[in-house]
């Protein structure tokens, strides 16, 4: 698992997304999402690629597979400038709990 933008000082920090390599991690992003949902912590998959959305089905595009990979393996965690330390800690502890069980 890695955080998108981790180690990049110029990365946008208002949105916290992670990408999971199931072969290395031994779990899928959806499993973490389910664990967090059980604790009333909302997550969402990364954005569905434009070329997979019906409205753009016939549009011209350059498809490399990267967008599909991120969509399949990525997860957006709760984030934003209005998250206080209590909320951040709650998400962090729930993620740590999930990882400890793996």
PDB file of N, CA and C in Angstrom:
ATOM      1  N   UNK A   1       0.852  -1.167   0.000  1.00  0.00           N
ATOM      2  CA  UNK A   1       0.000   0.000   0.000  1.00  0.00           C
ATOM      3  C   UNK A   1       0.895   1.225   0.000  1.00  0.00           C
ATOM      4  N   UNK A   2       0.482   2.214  -0.756  1.00  0.00           N
ATOM      5  CA  UNK A   2       1.202   3.490  -0.723  1.00  0.00           C
ATOM      6  C   UNK A   2       0.211   4.628  -0.868  1.00  0.00           C
ATOM      7  N   UNK A   3       0.540   5.743  -0.280  1.00  0.00           N
ATOM      8  CA  UNK A   3      -0.272   6.940  -0.418  1.00  0.00           C
ATOM      9  C   UNK A   3       0.119   7.637  -1.708  1.00  0.00           C
ATOM     10  N   UNK A   4      -0.853   8.059  -2.479  1.00  0.00           N
ATOM     11  CA  UNK A   4      -0.549   8.821  -3.688  1.00  0.00           C
ATOM     12  C   UNK A   4       0.061  10.157  -3.290  1.00  0.00           C
ATOM     13  N   UNK A   5       1.151  10.507  -3.903  1.00  0.00           N
ATOM     14  CA  UNK A   5       1.819  11.771  -3.614  1.00  0.00           C
ATOM     15  C   UNK A   5       2.790  11.699  -2.454  1.00  0.00           C
ATOM     16  N   UNK A   6       2.897  10.541  -1.808  1.00  0.00           N
ATOM     17  CA  UNK A   6       3.799  10.397  -0.664  1.00  0.00           C
ATOM     18  C   UNK A   6       5.227  10.726  -1.087  1.00  0.00           C
ATOM     19  N   UNK A   7       5.876  11.556  -0.309  1.00  0.00           N
ATOM     20  CA  UNK A   7       7.256  11.931  -0.597  1.00  0.00           C
ATOM     21  C   UNK A   7       7.396  13.058  -1.607  1.00  0.00           C
ATOM     22  N   UNK A   8       6.298  13.541  -2.153  1.00  0.00           N
ATOM     23  CA  UNK A   8       6.328  14.627  -3.127  1.00  0.00           C
ATOM     24  C   UNK A   8       5.919  15.918  -2.422  1.00  0.00           C
ATOM     25  N   UNK A   9       6.891  16.764  -2.161  1.00  0.00           N
ATOM     26  CA  UNK A   9       6.624  18.001  -1.427  1.00  0.00           C
ATOM     27  C   UNK A   9       5.611  18.895  -2.127  1.00  0.00           C
ATOM     28  N   UNK A  10       5.463  18.756  -3.433  1.00  0.00           N
ATOM     29  CA  UNK A  10       4.522  19.571  -4.190  1.00  0.00           C
ATOM     30  C   UNK A  10       3.172  18.918  -4.375  1.00  0.00           C
ATOM     31  N   UNK A  11       2.975  17.740  -3.765  1.00  0.00           N
ATOM     32  CA  UNK A  11       1.711  17.014  -3.943  1.00  0.00           C
ATOM     33  C   UNK A  11       0.567  17.743  -3.261  1.00  0.00           C
ATOM     34  N   UNK A  12      -0.615  17.550  -3.796  1.00  0.00           N
ATOM     35  CA  UNK A  12      -1.821  18.120  -3.229  1.00  0.00           C
ATOM     36  C   UNK A  12      -2.196  17.296  -1.997  1.00  0.00           C
ATOM     37  N   UNK A  13      -2.272  17.908  -0.849  1.00  0.00           N
ATOM     38  CA  UNK A  13      -2.483  17.166   0.396  1.00  0.00           C
ATOM     39  C   UNK A  13      -3.918  17.210   0.904  1.00  0.00           C
ATOM     40  N   UNK A  14      -4.834  17.813   0.192  1.00  0.00           N
ATOM     41  CA  UNK A  14      -6.205  17.892   0.698  1.00  0.00           C
ATOM     42  C   UNK A  14      -6.983  16.618   0.443  1.00  0.00           C
ATOM     43  N   UNK A  15      -6.488  15.765  -0.425  1.00  0.00           N
ATOM     44  CA  UNK A  15      -7.174  14.518  -0.755  1.00  0.00           C
ATOM     45  C   UNK A  15      -6.235  13.361  -0.455  1.00  0.00           C
ATOM     46  N   UNK A  16      -6.677  12.442   0.388  1.00  0.00           N
ATOM     47  CA  UNK A  16      -5.835  11.324   0.797  1.00  0.00           C
ATOM     48  C   UNK A  16      -6.289  10.061   0.086  1.00  0.00           C
ATOM     49  N   UNK A  17      -5.476   9.603  -0.840  1.00  0.00           N
ATOM     50  CA  UNK A  17      -5.776   8.393  -1.603  1.00  0.00           C
ATOM     51  C   UNK A  17      -4.637   7.408  -1.449  1.00  0.00           C
ATOM     52  N   UNK A  18      -5.006   6.144  -1.445  1.00  0.00           N
ATOM     53  CA  UNK A  18      -3.981   5.117  -1.396  1.00  0.00           C
ATOM     54  C   UNK A  18      -4.219   4.117  -2.511  1.00  0.00           C
ATOM     55  N   UNK A  19      -3.158   3.418  -2.860  1.00  0.00           N
ATOM     56  CA  UNK A  19      -3.206   2.382  -3.879  1.00  0.00           C
ATOM     57  C   UNK A  19      -2.657   1.113  -3.252  1.00  0.00           C
ATOM     58  N   UNK A  20      -3.351   0.011  -3.466  1.00  0.00           N
ATOM     59  CA  UNK A  20      -2.977  -1.265  -2.871  1.00  0.00           C
ATOM     60  C   UNK A  20      -2.495  -2.218  -3.960  1.00  0.00           C
ATOM     61  N   UNK A  21      -1.379  -2.856  -3.713  1.00  0.00           N
ATOM     62  CA  UNK A  21      -0.912  -3.941  -4.579  1.00  0.00           C
ATOM     63  C   UNK A  21      -1.337  -5.230  -3.882  1.00  0.00           C
ATOM     64  N   UNK A  22      -2.469  -5.831  -4.275  1.00  0.00           N
ATOM     65  CA  UNK A  22      -2.994  -7.007  -3.578  1.00  0.00           C
ATOM     66  C   UNK A  22      -2.010  -8.178  -3.514  1.00  0.00           C
ATOM     67  N   UNK A  23      -1.181  -8.325  -4.532  1.00  0.00           N
ATOM     68  CA  UNK A  23      -0.214  -9.428  -4.542  1.00  0.00           C
ATOM     69  C   UNK A  23       0.815  -9.275  -3.428  1.00  0.00           C
ATOM     70  N   UNK A  24       1.197  -8.047  -3.140  1.00  0.00           N
ATOM     71  CA  UNK A  24       2.175  -7.793  -2.072  1.00  0.00           C
ATOM     72  C   UNK A  24       1.513  -7.619  -0.716  1.00  0.00           C
ATOM     73  N   UNK A  25       0.361  -6.967  -0.701  1.00  0.00           N
ATOM     74  CA  UNK A  25      -0.299  -6.661   0.573  1.00  0.00           C
ATOM     75  C   UNK A  25      -1.053  -7.863   1.143  1.00  0.00           C
ATOM     76  N   UNK A  26      -1.598  -8.680   0.260  1.00  0.00           N
ATOM     77  CA  UNK A  26      -2.410  -9.804   0.719  1.00  0.00           C
ATOM     78  C   UNK A  26      -3.852  -9.423   0.984  1.00  0.00           C
ATOM     79  N   UNK A  27      -4.249  -8.239   0.564  1.00  0.00           N
ATOM     80  CA  UNK A  27      -5.624  -7.766   0.720  1.00  0.00           C
ATOM     81  C   UNK A  27      -5.913  -6.747  -0.375  1.00  0.00           C
ATOM     82  N   UNK A  28      -7.197  -6.469  -0.564  1.00  0.00           N
ATOM     83  CA  UNK A  28      -7.652  -5.538  -1.597  1.00  0.00           C
ATOM     84  C   UNK A  28      -8.165  -4.250  -0.954  1.00  0.00           C
ATOM     85  N   UNK A  29      -8.158  -3.185  -1.723  1.00  0.00           N
ATOM     86  CA  UNK A  29      -8.663  -1.895  -1.236  1.00  0.00           C
ATOM     87  C   UNK A  29     -10.102  -2.023  -0.741  1.00  0.00           C
ATOM     88  N   UNK A  30     -10.908  -2.852  -1.406  1.00  0.00           N
ATOM     89  CA  UNK A  30     -12.296  -3.049  -0.997  1.00  0.00           C
ATOM     90  C   UNK A  30     -12.422  -3.659   0.387  1.00  0.00           C
ATOM     91  N   UNK A  31     -11.452  -4.463   0.794  1.00  0.00           N
ATOM     92  CA  UNK A  31     -11.483  -5.039   2.137  1.00  0.00           C
ATOM     93  C   UNK A  31     -11.265  -3.959   3.190  1.00  0.00           C
ATOM     94  N   UNK A  32     -10.340  -3.048   2.928  1.00  0.00           N
ATOM     95  CA  UNK A  32     -10.135  -1.931   3.846  1.00  0.00           C
ATOM     96  C   UNK A  32     -11.368  -1.049   3.870  1.00  0.00           C
ATOM     97  N   UNK A  33     -11.958  -0.801   2.715  1.00  0.00           N
ATOM     98  CA  UNK A  33     -13.174   0.017   2.649  1.00  0.00           C
ATOM     99  C   UNK A  33     -14.280  -0.609   3.487  1.00  0.00           C
ATOM    100  N   UNK A  34     -14.452  -1.924   3.409  1.00  0.00           N
ATOM    101  CA  UNK A  34     -15.482  -2.607   4.190  1.00  0.00           C
ATOM    102  C   UNK A  34     -15.197  -2.501   5.685  1.00  0.00           C
ATOM    103  N   UNK A  35     -13.942  -2.660   6.057  1.00  0.00           N
ATOM    104  CA  UNK A  35     -13.554  -2.534   7.469  1.00  0.00           C
ATOM    105  C   UNK A  35     -13.889  -1.136   7.999  1.00  0.00           C
ATOM    106  N   UNK A  36     -13.548  -0.130   7.220  1.00  0.00           N
ATOM    107  CA  UNK A  36     -13.828   1.246   7.642  1.00  0.00           C
ATOM    108  C   UNK A  36     -15.330   1.521   7.659  1.00  0.00           C
ATOM    109  N   UNK A  37     -16.060   0.987   6.705  1.00  0.00           N
ATOM    110  CA  UNK A  37     -17.515   1.184   6.670  1.00  0.00           C
ATOM    111  C   UNK A  37     -18.176   0.602   7.925  1.00  0.00           C
ATOM    112  N   UNK A  38     -17.666  -0.528   8.386  1.00  0.00           N
ATOM    113  CA  UNK A  38     -18.199  -1.129   9.612  1.00  0.00           C
ATOM    114  C   UNK A  38     -17.996  -0.212  10.816  1.00  0.00           C
ATOM    115  N   UNK A  39     -17.055   0.710  10.711  1.00  0.00           N
ATOM    116  CA  UNK A  39     -16.767   1.663  11.785  1.00  0.00           C
ATOM    117  C   UNK A  39     -17.317   3.049  11.453  1.00  0.00           C
ATOM    118  N   UNK A  40     -18.239   3.077  10.498  1.00  0.00           N
ATOM    119  CA  UNK A  40     -18.900   4.309  10.072  1.00  0.00           C
ATOM    120  C   UNK A  40     -17.918   5.360   9.549  1.00  0.00           C
ATOM    121  N   UNK A  41     -16.904   4.874   8.812  1.00  0.00           N
ATOM    122  CA  UNK A  41     -15.936   5.759   8.166  1.00  0.00           C
ATOM    123  C   UNK A  41     -16.117   5.584   6.666  1.00  0.00           C
ATOM    124  N   UNK A  42     -16.517   6.646   6.012  1.00  0.00           N
ATOM    125  CA  UNK A  42     -16.832   6.588   4.585  1.00  0.00           C
ATOM    126  C   UNK A  42     -15.565   6.695   3.736  1.00  0.00           C
ATOM    127  N   UNK A  43     -15.487   5.842   2.729  1.00  0.00           N
ATOM    128  CA  UNK A  43     -14.426   5.902   1.730  1.00  0.00           C
ATOM    129  C   UNK A  43     -15.095   5.837   0.362  1.00  0.00           C
ATOM    130  N   UNK A  44     -14.293   5.914  -0.676  1.00  0.00           N
ATOM    131  CA  UNK A  44     -14.824   5.737  -2.021  1.00  0.00           C
ATOM    132  C   UNK A  44     -13.704   5.259  -2.924  1.00  0.00           C
ATOM    133  N   UNK A  45     -14.070   4.535  -3.971  1.00  0.00           N
ATOM    134  CA  UNK A  45     -13.032   4.155  -4.938  1.00  0.00           C
ATOM    135  C   UNK A  45     -12.494   5.414  -5.611  1.00  0.00           C
ATOM    136  N   UNK A  46     -11.327   5.291  -6.205  1.00  0.00           N
ATOM    137  CA  UNK A  46     -10.832   6.422  -6.986  1.00  0.00           C
ATOM    138  C   UNK A  46     -11.739   6.606  -8.187  1.00  0.00           C
ATOM    139  N   UNK A  47     -11.612   7.711  -8.856  1.00  0.00           N
ATOM    140  CA  UNK A  47     -12.537   8.079  -9.916  1.00  0.00           C
ATOM    141  C   UNK A  47     -12.584   7.052 -11.029  1.00  0.00           C
ATOM    142  N   UNK A  48     -13.806   6.811 -11.493  1.00  0.00           N
ATOM    143  CA  UNK A  48     -13.995   5.906 -12.618  1.00  0.00           C
ATOM    144  C   UNK A  48     -13.421   6.579 -13.862  1.00  0.00           C
ATOM    145  N   UNK A  49     -12.580   5.876 -14.598  1.00  0.00           N
ATOM    146  CA  UNK A  49     -11.990   6.475 -15.797  1.00  0.00           C
ATOM    147  C   UNK A  49     -13.061   6.982 -16.765  1.00  0.00           C
ATOM    148  N   UNK A  50     -12.768   8.080 -17.407  1.00  0.00           N
ATOM    149  CA  UNK A  50     -13.723   8.710 -18.311  1.00  0.00           C
ATOM    150  C   UNK A  50     -14.187   7.762 -19.409  1.00  0.00           C
ATOM    151  N   UNK A  51     -13.276   6.985 -19.966  1.00  0.00           N
ATOM    152  CA  UNK A  51     -13.638   6.128 -21.092  1.00  0.00           C
ATOM    153  C   UNK A  51     -14.536   4.960 -20.668  1.00  0.00           C
ATOM    154  N   UNK A  52     -14.688   4.721 -19.377  1.00  0.00           N
ATOM    155  CA  UNK A  52     -15.584   3.678 -18.886  1.00  0.00           C
ATOM    156  C   UNK A  52     -16.968   4.214 -18.535  1.00  0.00           C
ATOM    157  N   UNK A  53     -17.131   5.515 -18.591  1.00  0.00           N
ATOM    158  CA  UNK A  53     -18.419   6.122 -18.289  1.00  0.00           C
ATOM    159  C   UNK A  53     -19.256   6.160 -19.569  1.00  0.00           C
ATOM    160  N   UNK A  54     -20.515   5.756 -19.476  1.00  0.00           N
ATOM    161  CA  UNK A  54     -21.358   5.651 -20.677  1.00  0.00           C
ATOM    162  C   UNK A  54     -21.388   6.911 -21.538  1.00  0.00           C
ATOM    163  N   UNK A  55     -21.413   8.065 -20.937  1.00  0.00           N
ATOM    164  CA  UNK A  55     -21.516   9.301 -21.720  1.00  0.00           C
ATOM    165  C   UNK A  55     -20.288   9.508 -22.623  1.00  0.00           C
ATOM    166  N   UNK A  56     -19.163   8.907 -22.245  1.00  0.00           N
ATOM    167  CA  UNK A  56     -17.944   9.068 -23.031  1.00  0.00           C
ATOM    168  C   UNK A  56     -17.556   7.797 -23.794  1.00  0.00           C
ATOM    169  N   UNK A  57     -18.453   6.836 -23.861  1.00  0.00           N
ATOM    170  CA  UNK A  57     -18.143   5.533 -24.451  1.00  0.00           C
ATOM    171  C   UNK A  57     -17.623   5.638 -25.884  1.00  0.00           C
ATOM    172  N   UNK A  58     -18.102   6.596 -26.644  1.00  0.00           N
ATOM    173  CA  UNK A  58     -17.691   6.712 -28.052  1.00  0.00           C
ATOM    174  C   UNK A  58     -16.661   7.823 -28.274  1.00  0.00           C
ATOM    175  N   UNK A  59     -16.229   8.436 -27.206  1.00  0.00           N
ATOM    176  CA  UNK A  59     -15.258   9.523 -27.340  1.00  0.00           C
ATOM    177  C   UNK A  59     -13.866   8.966 -27.617  1.00  0.00           C
ATOM    178  N   UNK A  60     -13.114   9.721 -28.328  1.00  0.00           N
ATOM    179  CA  UNK A  60     -11.734   9.342 -28.616  1.00  0.00           C
ATOM    180  C   UNK A  60     -10.926   9.475 -27.331  1.00  0.00           C
ATOM    181  N   UNK A  61      -9.977   8.604 -27.122  1.00  0.00           N
ATOM    182  CA  UNK A  61      -9.157   8.688 -25.921  1.00  0.00           C
ATOM    183  C   UNK A  61      -7.846   7.954 -26.087  1.00  0.00           C
ATOM    184  N   UNK A  62      -6.944   8.235 -25.218  1.00  0.00           N
ATOM    185  CA  UNK A  62      -5.663   7.544 -25.154  1.00  0.00           C
ATOM    186  C   UNK A  62      -5.702   6.677 -23.908  1.00  0.00           C
ATOM    187  N   UNK A  63      -5.841   5.388 -24.085  1.00  0.00           N
ATOM    188  CA  UNK A  63      -6.014   4.465 -22.974  1.00  0.00           C
ATOM    189  C   UNK A  63      -4.743   3.640 -22.809  1.00  0.00           C
ATOM    190  N   UNK A  64      -4.126   3.744 -21.627  1.00  0.00           N
ATOM    191  CA  UNK A  64      -2.886   3.016 -21.346  1.00  0.00           C
ATOM    192  C   UNK A  64      -3.063   1.919 -20.300  1.00  0.00           C
ATOM    193  N   UNK A  65      -4.198   1.944 -19.600  1.00  0.00           N
ATOM    194  CA  UNK A  65      -4.414   0.980 -18.526  1.00  0.00           C
ATOM    195  C   UNK A  65      -4.155   1.555 -17.149  1.00  0.00           C
ATOM    196  N   UNK A  66      -3.490   2.699 -17.079  1.00  0.00           N
ATOM    197  CA  UNK A  66      -3.170   3.295 -15.781  1.00  0.00           C
ATOM    198  C   UNK A  66      -4.423   3.702 -15.030  1.00  0.00           C
ATOM    199  N   UNK A  67      -5.348   4.345 -15.701  1.00  0.00           N
ATOM    200  CA  UNK A  67      -6.578   4.789 -15.041  1.00  0.00           C
ATOM    201  C   UNK A  67      -7.375   3.604 -14.509  1.00  0.00           C
ATOM    202  N   UNK A  68      -7.464   2.535 -15.293  1.00  0.00           N
ATOM    203  CA  UNK A  68      -8.191   1.344 -14.835  1.00  0.00           C
ATOM    204  C   UNK A  68      -7.509   0.724 -13.624  1.00  0.00           C
ATOM    205  N   UNK A  69      -6.179   0.697 -13.646  1.00  0.00           N
ATOM    206  CA  UNK A  69      -5.426   0.135 -12.521  1.00  0.00           C
ATOM    207  C   UNK A  69      -5.696   0.926 -11.244  1.00  0.00           C
ATOM    208  N   UNK A  70      -5.637   2.237 -11.332  1.00  0.00           N
ATOM    209  CA  UNK A  70      -5.898   3.077 -10.154  1.00  0.00           C
ATOM    210  C   UNK A  70      -7.336   2.898  -9.669  1.00  0.00           C
ATOM    211  N   UNK A  71      -8.264   2.786 -10.598  1.00  0.00           N
ATOM    212  CA  UNK A  71      -9.674   2.600 -10.234  1.00  0.00           C
ATOM    213  C   UNK A  71      -9.876   1.269  -9.512  1.00  0.00           C
ATOM    214  N   UNK A  72      -9.215   0.217  -9.964  1.00  0.00           N
ATOM    215  CA  UNK A  72      -9.351  -1.120  -9.363  1.00  0.00           C
ATOM    216  C   UNK A  72      -8.651  -1.230  -8.018  1.00  0.00           C
ATOM    217  N   UNK A  73      -7.538  -0.541  -7.857  1.00  0.00           N
ATOM    218  CA  UNK A  73      -6.701  -0.759  -6.676  1.00  0.00           C
ATOM    219  C   UNK A  73      -6.673   0.414  -5.706  1.00  0.00           C
ATOM    220  N   UNK A  74      -7.308   1.523  -6.053  1.00  0.00           N
ATOM    221  CA  UNK A  74      -7.224   2.724  -5.232  1.00  0.00           C
ATOM    222  C   UNK A  74      -8.412   2.931  -4.319  1.00  0.00           C
ATOM    223  N   UNK A  75      -8.182   3.735  -3.307  1.00  0.00           N
ATOM    224  CA  UNK A  75      -9.220   4.067  -2.335  1.00  0.00           C
ATOM    225  C   UNK A  75      -8.993   5.481  -1.825  1.00  0.00           C
ATOM    226  N   UNK A  76     -10.040   6.282  -1.821  1.00  0.00           N
ATOM    227  CA  UNK A  76      -9.970   7.630  -1.258  1.00  0.00           C
ATOM    228  C   UNK A  76     -10.447   7.564   0.186  1.00  0.00           C
ATOM    229  N   UNK A  77      -9.600   8.012   1.084  1.00  0.00           N
ATOM    230  CA  UNK A  77      -9.929   8.049   2.510  1.00  0.00           C
ATOM    231  C   UNK A  77     -10.568   9.392   2.852  1.00  0.00           C
ATOM    232  N   UNK A  78     -11.230   9.460   3.992  1.00  0.00           N
ATOM    233  CA  UNK A  78     -11.769  10.758   4.410  1.00  0.00           C
ATOM    234  C   UNK A  78     -10.628  11.766   4.513  1.00  0.00           C
ATOM    235  N   UNK A  79     -10.834  12.921   3.970  1.00  0.00           N
ATOM    236  CA  UNK A  79      -9.808  13.956   4.021  1.00  0.00           C
ATOM    237  C   UNK A  79     -10.454  15.298   3.745  1.00  0.00           C
ATOM    238  N   UNK A  80      -9.702  16.322   4.001  1.00  0.00           N
ATOM    239  CA  UNK A  80     -10.186  17.665   3.744  1.00  0.00           C
ATOM    240  C   UNK A  80      -9.646  18.627   4.776  1.00  0.00           C
ATOM    241  N   UNK A  81      -9.748  19.882   4.469  1.00  0.00           N
ATOM    242  CA  UNK A  81      -9.194  20.904   5.357  1.00  0.00           C
ATOM    243  C   UNK A  81     -10.005  21.059   6.645  1.00  0.00           C
ATOM    244  N   UNK A  82     -11.209  20.492   6.675  1.00  0.00           N
ATOM    245  CA  UNK A  82     -12.032  20.629   7.882  1.00  0.00           C
ATOM    246  C   UNK A  82     -11.892  19.442   8.840  1.00  0.00           C
ATOM    247  N   UNK A  83     -11.020  18.483   8.536  1.00  0.00           N
ATOM    248  CA  UNK A  83     -10.830  17.351   9.444  1.00  0.00           C
ATOM    249  C   UNK A  83      -9.964  17.787  10.614  1.00  0.00           C
ATOM    250  N   UNK A  84     -10.489  17.607  11.809  1.00  0.00           N
ATOM    251  CA  UNK A  84      -9.703  17.954  12.993  1.00  0.00           C
ATOM    252  C   UNK A  84      -8.898  16.742  13.461  1.00  0.00           C
ATOM    253  N   UNK A  85      -8.082  16.925  14.472  1.00  0.00           N
ATOM    254  CA  UNK A  85      -7.206  15.857  14.960  1.00  0.00           C
ATOM    255  C   UNK A  85      -7.995  14.638  15.433  1.00  0.00           C
ATOM    256  N   UNK A  86      -9.169  14.840  15.996  1.00  0.00           N
ATOM    257  CA  UNK A  86      -9.985  13.719  16.468  1.00  0.00           C
ATOM    258  C   UNK A  86     -10.423  12.850  15.299  1.00  0.00           C
ATOM    259  N   UNK A  87     -10.886  13.468  14.235  1.00  0.00           N
ATOM    260  CA  UNK A  87     -11.316  12.712  13.051  1.00  0.00           C
ATOM    261  C   UNK A  87     -10.138  12.024  12.365  1.00  0.00           C
ATOM    262  N   UNK A  88      -9.049  12.729  12.252  1.00  0.00           N
ATOM    263  CA  UNK A  88      -7.854  12.148  11.639  1.00  0.00           C
ATOM    264  C   UNK A  88      -7.404  10.936  12.441  1.00  0.00           C
ATOM    265  N   UNK A  89      -7.361  11.064  13.742  1.00  0.00           N
ATOM    266  CA  UNK A  89      -6.953   9.973  14.616  1.00  0.00           C
ATOM    267  C   UNK A  89      -7.889   8.773  14.488  1.00  0.00           C
ATOM    268  N   UNK A  90      -9.176   9.031  14.389  1.00  0.00           N
ATOM    269  CA  UNK A  90     -10.171   7.954  14.254  1.00  0.00           C
ATOM    270  C   UNK A  90      -9.927   7.137  12.987  1.00  0.00           C
ATOM    271  N   UNK A  91      -9.670   7.811  11.885  1.00  0.00           N
ATOM    272  CA  UNK A  91      -9.390   7.122  10.622  1.00  0.00           C
ATOM    273  C   UNK A  91      -8.063   6.374  10.731  1.00  0.00           C
ATOM    274  N   UNK A  92      -7.060   7.038  11.250  1.00  0.00           N
ATOM    275  CA  UNK A  92      -5.743   6.423  11.388  1.00  0.00           C
ATOM    276  C   UNK A  92      -5.821   5.160  12.237  1.00  0.00           C
ATOM    277  N   UNK A  93      -6.490   5.213  13.364  1.00  0.00           N
ATOM    278  CA  UNK A  93      -6.598   4.046  14.240  1.00  0.00           C
ATOM    279  C   UNK A  93      -7.353   2.903  13.571  1.00  0.00           C
ATOM    280  N   UNK A  94      -8.383   3.213  12.817  1.00  0.00           N
ATOM    281  CA  UNK A  94      -9.149   2.172  12.135  1.00  0.00           C
ATOM    282  C   UNK A  94      -8.313   1.511  11.032  1.00  0.00           C
ATOM    283  N   UNK A  95      -7.519   2.297  10.312  1.00  0.00           N
ATOM    284  CA  UNK A  95      -6.628   1.731   9.297  1.00  0.00           C
ATOM    285  C   UNK A  95      -5.567   0.870   9.968  1.00  0.00           C
ATOM    286  N   UNK A  96      -4.984   1.382  11.065  1.00  0.00           N
ATOM    287  CA  UNK A  96      -3.970   0.612  11.794  1.00  0.00           C
ATOM    288  C   UNK A  96      -4.553  -0.701  12.323  1.00  0.00           C
ATOM    289  N   UNK A  97      -5.775  -0.659  12.804  1.00  0.00           N
ATOM    290  CA  UNK A  97      -6.436  -1.868  13.288  1.00  0.00           C
ATOM    291  C   UNK A  97      -6.583  -2.890  12.162  1.00  0.00           C
ATOM    292  N   UNK A  98      -6.993  -2.418  10.984  1.00  0.00           N
ATOM    293  CA  UNK A  98      -7.125  -3.299   9.833  1.00  0.00           C
ATOM    294  C   UNK A  98      -5.783  -3.926   9.476  1.00  0.00           C
ATOM    295  N   UNK A  99      -4.744  -3.106   9.402  1.00  0.00           N
ATOM    296  CA  UNK A  99      -3.436  -3.606   9.012  1.00  0.00           C
ATOM    297  C   UNK A  99      -2.861  -4.582  10.043  1.00  0.00           C
ATOM    298  N   UNK A 100      -3.131  -4.345  11.311  1.00  0.00           N
ATOM    299  CA  UNK A 100      -2.643  -5.236  12.358  1.00  0.00           C
ATOM    300  C   UNK A 100      -3.262  -6.625  12.243  1.00  0.00           C
ATOM    301  N   UNK A 101      -4.461  -6.694  11.690  1.00  0.00           N
ATOM    302  CA  UNK A 101      -5.136  -7.973  11.517  1.00  0.00           C
ATOM    303  C   UNK A 101      -4.716  -8.716  10.265  1.00  0.00           C
ATOM    304  N   UNK A 102      -3.793  -8.172   9.512  1.00  0.00           N
ATOM    305  CA  UNK A 102      -3.350  -8.800   8.260  1.00  0.00           C
ATOM    306  C   UNK A 102      -2.019  -9.468   8.414  1.00  0.00           C
TER     307      UNK A 102
END
